[in-house]
PDB file of N, CA and C in Angstrom:
ATOM      1  N   MET A   1      57.968 135.810 183.459  1.00  0.00           N
ATOM      2  CA  MET A   1      56.633 136.265 183.763  1.00  0.00           C
ATOM      3  C   MET A   1      56.633 137.116 185.033  1.00  0.00           C
ATOM      4  N   THR A   2      57.393 136.701 186.026  1.00  0.00           N
ATOM      5  CA  THR A   2      57.463 137.447 187.277  1.00  0.00           C
ATOM      6  C   THR A   2      58.038 138.839 187.051  1.00  0.00           C
ATOM      7  N   GLU A   3      58.978 138.954 186.144  1.00  0.00           N
ATOM      8  CA  GLU A   3      59.577 140.259 185.852  1.00  0.00           C
ATOM      9  C   GLU A   3      58.552 141.224 185.272  1.00  0.00           C
ATOM     10  N   LEU A   4      57.606 140.730 184.513  1.00  0.00           N
ATOM     11  CA  LEU A   4      56.564 141.586 183.941  1.00  0.00           C
ATOM     12  C   LEU A   4      55.633 142.142 185.009  1.00  0.00           C
ATOM     13  N   THR A   5      55.382 141.370 186.048  1.00  0.00           N
ATOM     14  CA  THR A   5      54.470 141.845 187.093  1.00  0.00           C
ATOM     15  C   THR A   5      55.044 143.033 187.851  1.00  0.00           C
ATOM     16  N   ASP A   6      56.344 143.227 187.797  1.00  0.00           N
ATOM     17  CA  ASP A   6      56.951 144.389 188.452  1.00  0.00           C
ATOM     18  C   ASP A   6      56.668 145.680 187.699  1.00  0.00           C
ATOM     19  N   ILE A   7      56.590 145.627 186.376  1.00  0.00           N
ATOM     20  CA  ILE A   7      56.419 146.858 185.597  1.00  0.00           C
ATOM     21  C   ILE A   7      54.987 147.108 185.140  1.00  0.00           C
ATOM     22  N   LEU A   8      54.133 146.097 185.189  1.00  0.00           N
ATOM     23  CA  LEU A   8      52.760 146.278 184.708  1.00  0.00           C
ATOM     24  C   LEU A   8      51.984 147.370 185.447  1.00  0.00           C
ATOM     25  N   PRO A   9      52.074 147.480 186.771  1.00  0.00           N
ATOM     26  CA  PRO A   9      51.352 148.578 187.430  1.00  0.00           C
ATOM     27  C   PRO A   9      51.809 149.955 186.953  1.00  0.00           C
ATOM     28  N   THR A  10      53.093 150.115 186.703  1.00  0.00           N
ATOM     29  CA  THR A  10      53.617 151.389 186.216  1.00  0.00           C
ATOM     30  C   THR A  10      53.055 151.710 184.839  1.00  0.00           C
ATOM     31  N   VAL A  11      53.028 150.735 183.968  1.00  0.00           N
ATOM     32  CA  VAL A  11      52.495 150.933 182.623  1.00  0.00           C
ATOM     33  C   VAL A  11      51.010 151.284 182.687  1.00  0.00           C
ATOM     34  N   ALA A  12      50.278 150.617 183.550  1.00  0.00           N
ATOM     35  CA  ALA A  12      48.842 150.891 183.678  1.00  0.00           C
ATOM     36  C   ALA A  12      48.599 152.321 184.155  1.00  0.00           C
ATOM     37  N   ILE A  13      49.337 152.762 185.153  1.00  0.00           N
ATOM     38  CA  ILE A  13      49.171 154.125 185.678  1.00  0.00           C
ATOM     39  C   ILE A  13      49.534 155.148 184.615  1.00  0.00           C
ATOM     40  N   GLN A  14      50.620 154.934 183.903  1.00  0.00           N
ATOM     41  CA  GLN A  14      51.024 155.880 182.865  1.00  0.00           C
ATOM     42  C   GLN A  14      49.979 155.963 181.760  1.00  0.00           C
ATOM     43  N   SER A  15      49.358 154.850 181.427  1.00  0.00           N
ATOM     44  CA  SER A  15      48.304 154.859 180.408  1.00  0.00           C
ATOM     45  C   SER A  15      47.093 155.646 180.884  1.00  0.00           C
ATOM     46  N   MET A  16      46.735 155.485 182.148  1.00  0.00           N
ATOM     47  CA  MET A  16      45.576 156.196 182.688  1.00  0.00           C
ATOM     48  C   MET A  16      45.845 157.693 182.792  1.00  0.00           C
ATOM     49  N   VAL A  17      47.066 158.082 183.111  1.00  0.00           N
ATOM     50  CA  VAL A  17      47.404 159.504 183.206  1.00  0.00           C
ATOM     51  C   VAL A  17      47.279 160.162 181.842  1.00  0.00           C
ATOM     52  N   LYS A  18      47.724 159.489 180.808  1.00  0.00           N
ATOM     53  CA  LYS A  18      47.604 160.040 179.459  1.00  0.00           C
ATOM     54  C   LYS A  18      46.134 160.272 179.113  1.00  0.00           C
ATOM     55  N   GLU A  19      45.277 159.309 179.425  1.00  0.00           N
ATOM     56  CA  GLU A  19      43.846 159.448 179.146  1.00  0.00           C
ATOM     57  C   GLU A  19      43.239 160.565 179.989  1.00  0.00           C
ATOM     58  N   ALA A  20      43.646 160.656 181.240  1.00  0.00           N
ATOM     59  CA  ALA A  20      43.110 161.697 182.122  1.00  0.00           C
ATOM     60  C   ALA A  20      43.498 163.087 181.627  1.00  0.00           C
ATOM     61  N   ARG A  21      44.724 163.232 181.163  1.00  0.00           N
ATOM     62  CA  ARG A  21      45.154 164.538 180.639  1.00  0.00           C
ATOM     63  C   ARG A  21      44.347 164.931 179.410  1.00  0.00           C
ATOM     64  N   SER A  22      44.126 163.983 178.515  1.00  0.00           N
ATOM     65  CA  SER A  22      43.362 164.315 177.309  1.00  0.00           C
ATOM     66  C   SER A  22      41.913 164.630 177.660  1.00  0.00           C
ATOM     67  N   THR A  23      41.354 163.936 178.651  1.00  0.00           N
ATOM     68  CA  THR A  23      39.991 164.228 179.103  1.00  0.00           C
ATOM     69  C   THR A  23      39.928 165.617 179.710  1.00  0.00           C
ATOM     70  N   LYS A  24      40.913 165.960 180.527  1.00  0.00           N
ATOM     71  CA  LYS A  24      40.951 167.277 181.168  1.00  0.00           C
ATOM     72  C   LYS A  24      41.056 168.373 180.120  1.00  0.00           C
ATOM     73  N   GLN A  25      41.898 168.180 179.126  1.00  0.00           N
ATOM     74  CA  GLN A  25      42.048 169.184 178.069  1.00  0.00           C
ATOM     75  C   GLN A  25      40.757 169.341 177.284  1.00  0.00           C
ATOM     76  N   ALA A  26      40.070 168.255 177.017  1.00  0.00           N
ATOM     77  CA  ALA A  26      38.811 168.329 176.277  1.00  0.00           C
ATOM     78  C   ALA A  26      37.744 169.058 177.084  1.00  0.00           C
ATOM     79  N   VAL A  27      37.696 168.796 178.382  1.00  0.00           N
ATOM     80  CA  VAL A  27      36.719 169.470 179.241  1.00  0.00           C
ATOM     81  C   VAL A  27      37.029 170.954 179.314  1.00  0.00           C
ATOM     82  N   GLU A  28      38.313 171.293 179.454  1.00  0.00           N
ATOM     83  CA  GLU A  28      38.702 172.698 179.556  1.00  0.00           C
ATOM     84  C   GLU A  28      38.410 173.461 178.272  1.00  0.00           C
ATOM     85  N   SER A  29      38.522 172.813 177.144  1.00  0.00           N
ATOM     86  CA  SER A  29      38.281 173.498 175.877  1.00  0.00           C
ATOM     87  C   SER A  29      36.820 173.392 175.430  1.00  0.00           C
ATOM     88  N   ASN A  30      35.981 172.822 176.293  1.00  0.00           N
ATOM     89  CA  ASN A  30      34.546 172.669 176.019  1.00  0.00           C
ATOM     90  C   ASN A  30      34.256 171.854 174.761  1.00  0.00           C
ATOM     91  N   GLU A  31      35.207 171.041 174.335  1.00  0.00           N
ATOM     92  CA  GLU A  31      34.970 170.158 173.198  1.00  0.00           C
ATOM     93  C   GLU A  31      34.105 168.976 173.629  1.00  0.00           C
ATOM     94  N   SER A  32      34.198 168.633 174.899  1.00  0.00           N
ATOM     95  CA  SER A  32      33.497 167.458 175.400  1.00  0.00           C
ATOM     96  C   SER A  32      32.049 167.792 175.716  1.00  0.00           C
ATOM     97  N   GLN A  33      31.143 167.243 174.944  1.00  0.00           N
ATOM     98  CA  GLN A  33      29.719 167.414 175.198  1.00  0.00           C
ATOM     99  C   GLN A  33      29.146 166.167 175.864  1.00  0.00           C
ATOM    100  N   GLN A  34      29.983 165.153 176.022  1.00  0.00           N
ATOM    101  CA  GLN A  34      29.547 163.903 176.622  1.00  0.00           C
ATOM    102  C   GLN A  34      29.993 163.869 178.083  1.00  0.00           C
ATOM    103  N   ARG A  35      29.109 163.434 178.938  1.00  0.00           N
ATOM    104  CA  ARG A  35      29.405 163.367 180.366  1.00  0.00           C
ATOM    105  C   ARG A  35      30.538 162.371 180.616  1.00  0.00           C
ATOM    106  N   PRO A  36      31.545 162.744 181.417  1.00  0.00           N
ATOM    107  CA  PRO A  36      32.640 161.825 181.714  1.00  0.00           C
ATOM    108  C   PRO A  36      32.120 160.540 182.358  1.00  0.00           C
ATOM    109  N   PHE A  37      32.671 159.416 181.932  1.00  0.00           N
ATOM    110  CA  PHE A  37      32.174 158.112 182.371  1.00  0.00           C
ATOM    111  C   PHE A  37      32.330 157.893 183.864  1.00  0.00           C
ATOM    112  N   GLN A  38      33.294 158.536 184.496  1.00  0.00           N
ATOM    113  CA  GLN A  38      33.577 158.259 185.897  1.00  0.00           C
ATOM    114  C   GLN A  38      32.598 158.921 186.870  1.00  0.00           C
ATOM    115  N   ILE A  39      31.837 159.901 186.407  1.00  0.00           N
ATOM    116  CA  ILE A  39      30.881 160.569 187.289  1.00  0.00           C
ATOM    117  C   ILE A  39      29.769 159.593 187.651  1.00  0.00           C
ATOM    118  N   ASP A  40      29.447 159.550 188.923  1.00  0.00           N
ATOM    119  CA  ASP A  40      28.477 158.623 189.517  1.00  0.00           C
ATOM    120  C   ASP A  40      28.944 157.174 189.451  1.00  0.00           C
ATOM    121  N   GLY A  41      30.238 156.974 189.249  1.00  0.00           N
ATOM    122  CA  GLY A  41      30.785 155.623 189.249  1.00  0.00           C
ATOM    123  C   GLY A  41      31.159 155.152 190.640  1.00  0.00           C
ATOM    124  N   CYS A  42      31.285 156.105 191.575  1.00  0.00           N
ATOM    125  CA  CYS A  42      31.577 155.765 192.961  1.00  0.00           C
ATOM    126  C   CYS A  42      31.098 156.912 193.846  1.00  0.00           C
ATOM    127  N   HIS A  43      31.147 156.696 195.146  1.00  0.00           N
ATOM    128  CA  HIS A  43      30.654 157.698 196.093  1.00  0.00           C
ATOM    129  C   HIS A  43      31.430 159.011 195.978  1.00  0.00           C
ATOM    130  N   ALA A  44      32.737 158.932 195.818  1.00  0.00           N
ATOM    131  CA  ALA A  44      33.564 160.137 195.749  1.00  0.00           C
ATOM    132  C   ALA A  44      33.259 160.981 194.516  1.00  0.00           C
ATOM    133  N   LEU A  45      32.834 160.348 193.437  1.00  0.00           N
ATOM    134  CA  LEU A  45      32.554 161.078 192.202  1.00  0.00           C
ATOM    135  C   LEU A  45      31.060 161.162 191.906  1.00  0.00           C
ATOM    136  N   ARG A  46      30.254 161.241 192.960  1.00  0.00           N
ATOM    137  CA  ARG A  46      28.812 161.402 192.745  1.00  0.00           C
ATOM    138  C   ARG A  46      28.549 162.780 192.160  1.00  0.00           C
ATOM    139  N   SER A  47      27.552 162.891 191.339  1.00  0.00           N
ATOM    140  CA  SER A  47      27.290 164.139 190.612  1.00  0.00           C
ATOM    141  C   SER A  47      26.933 165.301 191.526  1.00  0.00           C
ATOM    142  N   SER A  48      26.526 165.025 192.753  1.00  0.00           N
ATOM    143  CA  SER A  48      26.200 166.098 193.689  1.00  0.00           C
ATOM    144  C   SER A  48      27.322 166.354 194.688  1.00  0.00           C
ATOM    145  N   GLY A  49      28.481 165.752 194.464  1.00  0.00           N
ATOM    146  CA  GLY A  49      29.584 165.860 195.410  1.00  0.00           C
ATOM    147  C   GLY A  49      30.519 167.027 195.132  1.00  0.00           C
ATOM    148  N   GLU A  50      31.367 167.304 196.116  1.00  0.00           N
ATOM    149  CA  GLU A  50      32.313 168.415 196.028  1.00  0.00           C
ATOM    150  C   GLU A  50      33.381 168.197 194.957  1.00  0.00           C
ATOM    151  N   VAL A  51      33.797 166.958 194.748  1.00  0.00           N
ATOM    152  CA  VAL A  51      34.834 166.683 193.748  1.00  0.00           C
ATOM    153  C   VAL A  51      34.324 167.018 192.352  1.00  0.00           C
ATOM    154  N   VAL A  52      33.116 166.597 192.046  1.00  0.00           N
ATOM    155  CA  VAL A  52      32.530 166.904 190.735  1.00  0.00           C
ATOM    156  C   VAL A  52      32.296 168.407 190.622  1.00  0.00           C
ATOM    157  N   LYS A  53      31.870 169.034 191.704  1.00  0.00           N
ATOM    158  CA  LYS A  53      31.644 170.486 191.693  1.00  0.00           C
ATOM    159  C   LYS A  53      32.939 171.231 191.374  1.00  0.00           C
ATOM    160  N   MET A  54      34.064 170.730 191.894  1.00  0.00           N
ATOM    161  CA  MET A  54      35.349 171.398 191.697  1.00  0.00           C
ATOM    162  C   MET A  54      35.959 171.103 190.324  1.00  0.00           C
ATOM    163  N   PHE A  55      35.975 169.840 189.919  1.00  0.00           N
ATOM    164  CA  PHE A  55      36.687 169.446 188.709  1.00  0.00           C
ATOM    165  C   PHE A  55      35.807 169.327 187.463  1.00  0.00           C
ATOM    166  N   TYR A  56      34.513 169.118 187.651  1.00  0.00           N
ATOM    167  CA  TYR A  56      33.578 169.001 186.532  1.00  0.00           C
ATOM    168  C   TYR A  56      32.346 169.873 186.784  1.00  0.00           C
ATOM    169  N   PRO A  57      32.524 171.176 186.905  1.00  0.00           N
ATOM    170  CA  PRO A  57      31.380 172.038 187.254  1.00  0.00           C
ATOM    171  C   PRO A  57      30.226 171.945 186.261  1.00  0.00           C
ATOM    172  N   LYS A  58      30.537 171.653 185.016  1.00  0.00           N
ATOM    173  CA  LYS A  58      29.490 171.524 184.006  1.00  0.00           C
ATOM    174  C   LYS A  58      28.547 170.368 184.325  1.00  0.00           C
ATOM    175  N   TRP A  59      29.053 169.347 184.971  1.00  0.00           N
ATOM    176  CA  TRP A  59      28.278 168.141 185.236  1.00  0.00           C
ATOM    177  C   TRP A  59      27.793 168.053 186.680  1.00  0.00           C
ATOM    178  N   TYR A  60      28.043 169.090 187.459  1.00  0.00           N
ATOM    179  CA  TYR A  60      27.604 169.104 188.859  1.00  0.00           C
ATOM    180  C   TYR A  60      26.091 169.264 188.938  1.00  0.00           C
ATOM    181  N   GLU A  61      25.461 168.479 189.781  1.00  0.00           N
ATOM    182  CA  GLU A  61      24.021 168.567 190.017  1.00  0.00           C
ATOM    183  C   GLU A  61      23.805 168.680 191.519  1.00  0.00           C
ATOM    184  N   ALA A  62      23.212 169.777 191.958  1.00  0.00           N
ATOM    185  CA  ALA A  62      22.970 169.967 193.384  1.00  0.00           C
ATOM    186  C   ALA A  62      22.053 168.865 193.910  1.00  0.00           C
ATOM    187  N   ALA A  63      22.373 168.391 195.087  1.00  0.00           N
ATOM    188  CA  ALA A  63      21.567 167.332 195.695  1.00  0.00           C
ATOM    189  C   ALA A  63      20.223 167.888 196.133  1.00  0.00           C
ATOM    190  N   GLU A  64      19.219 167.067 195.984  1.00  0.00           N
ATOM    191  CA  GLU A  64      17.895 167.462 196.457  1.00  0.00           C
ATOM    192  C   GLU A  64      17.886 167.382 197.977  1.00  0.00           C
ATOM    193  N   HIS A  65      17.375 168.410 198.604  1.00  0.00           N
ATOM    194  CA  HIS A  65      17.302 168.423 200.061  1.00  0.00           C
ATOM    195  C   HIS A  65      16.086 167.615 200.493  1.00  0.00           C
ATOM    196  N   THR A  66      16.330 166.601 201.275  1.00  0.00           N
ATOM    197  CA  THR A  66      15.222 165.794 201.773  1.00  0.00           C
ATOM    198  C   THR A  66      15.098 166.001 203.273  1.00  0.00           C
ATOM    199  N   GLU A  67      13.902 166.207 203.724  1.00  0.00           N
ATOM    200  CA  GLU A  67      13.655 166.447 205.137  1.00  0.00           C
ATOM    201  C   GLU A  67      13.396 165.115 205.830  1.00  0.00           C
ATOM    202  N   VAL A  68      14.067 164.917 206.950  1.00  0.00           N
ATOM    203  CA  VAL A  68      13.886 163.701 207.725  1.00  0.00           C
ATOM    204  C   VAL A  68      12.776 163.957 208.734  1.00  0.00           C
ATOM    205  N   VAL A  69      11.763 163.125 208.682  1.00  0.00           N
ATOM    206  CA  VAL A  69      10.624 163.273 209.587  1.00  0.00           C
ATOM    207  C   VAL A  69      10.745 162.228 210.683  1.00  0.00           C
ATOM    208  N   PRO A  70      10.864 162.673 211.948  1.00  0.00           N
ATOM    209  CA  PRO A  70      10.964 161.687 213.037  1.00  0.00           C
ATOM    210  C   PRO A  70       9.646 160.938 213.213  1.00  0.00           C
ATOM    211  N   GLU A  71       9.758 159.698 213.594  1.00  0.00           N
ATOM    212  CA  GLU A  71       8.552 158.871 213.761  1.00  0.00           C
ATOM    213  C   GLU A  71       8.008 158.969 215.154  1.00  0.00           C
TER     214      GLU A  71
END
């Protein structure tokens, strides 16, 4: 069992890379009409962020500018 714990992280990463490549190819070929699940899943991948703007321009949404009013 201990021997399996050494290779499981490698297998998990390789599986995710395969999925990421297929997602990237689908986005590039405009076959994907469904919003990627990871957008808005964390702060780094918020729909108004630079990462989404760079890698998923189709799904980028400019942030609403809110004015801060001092009290």
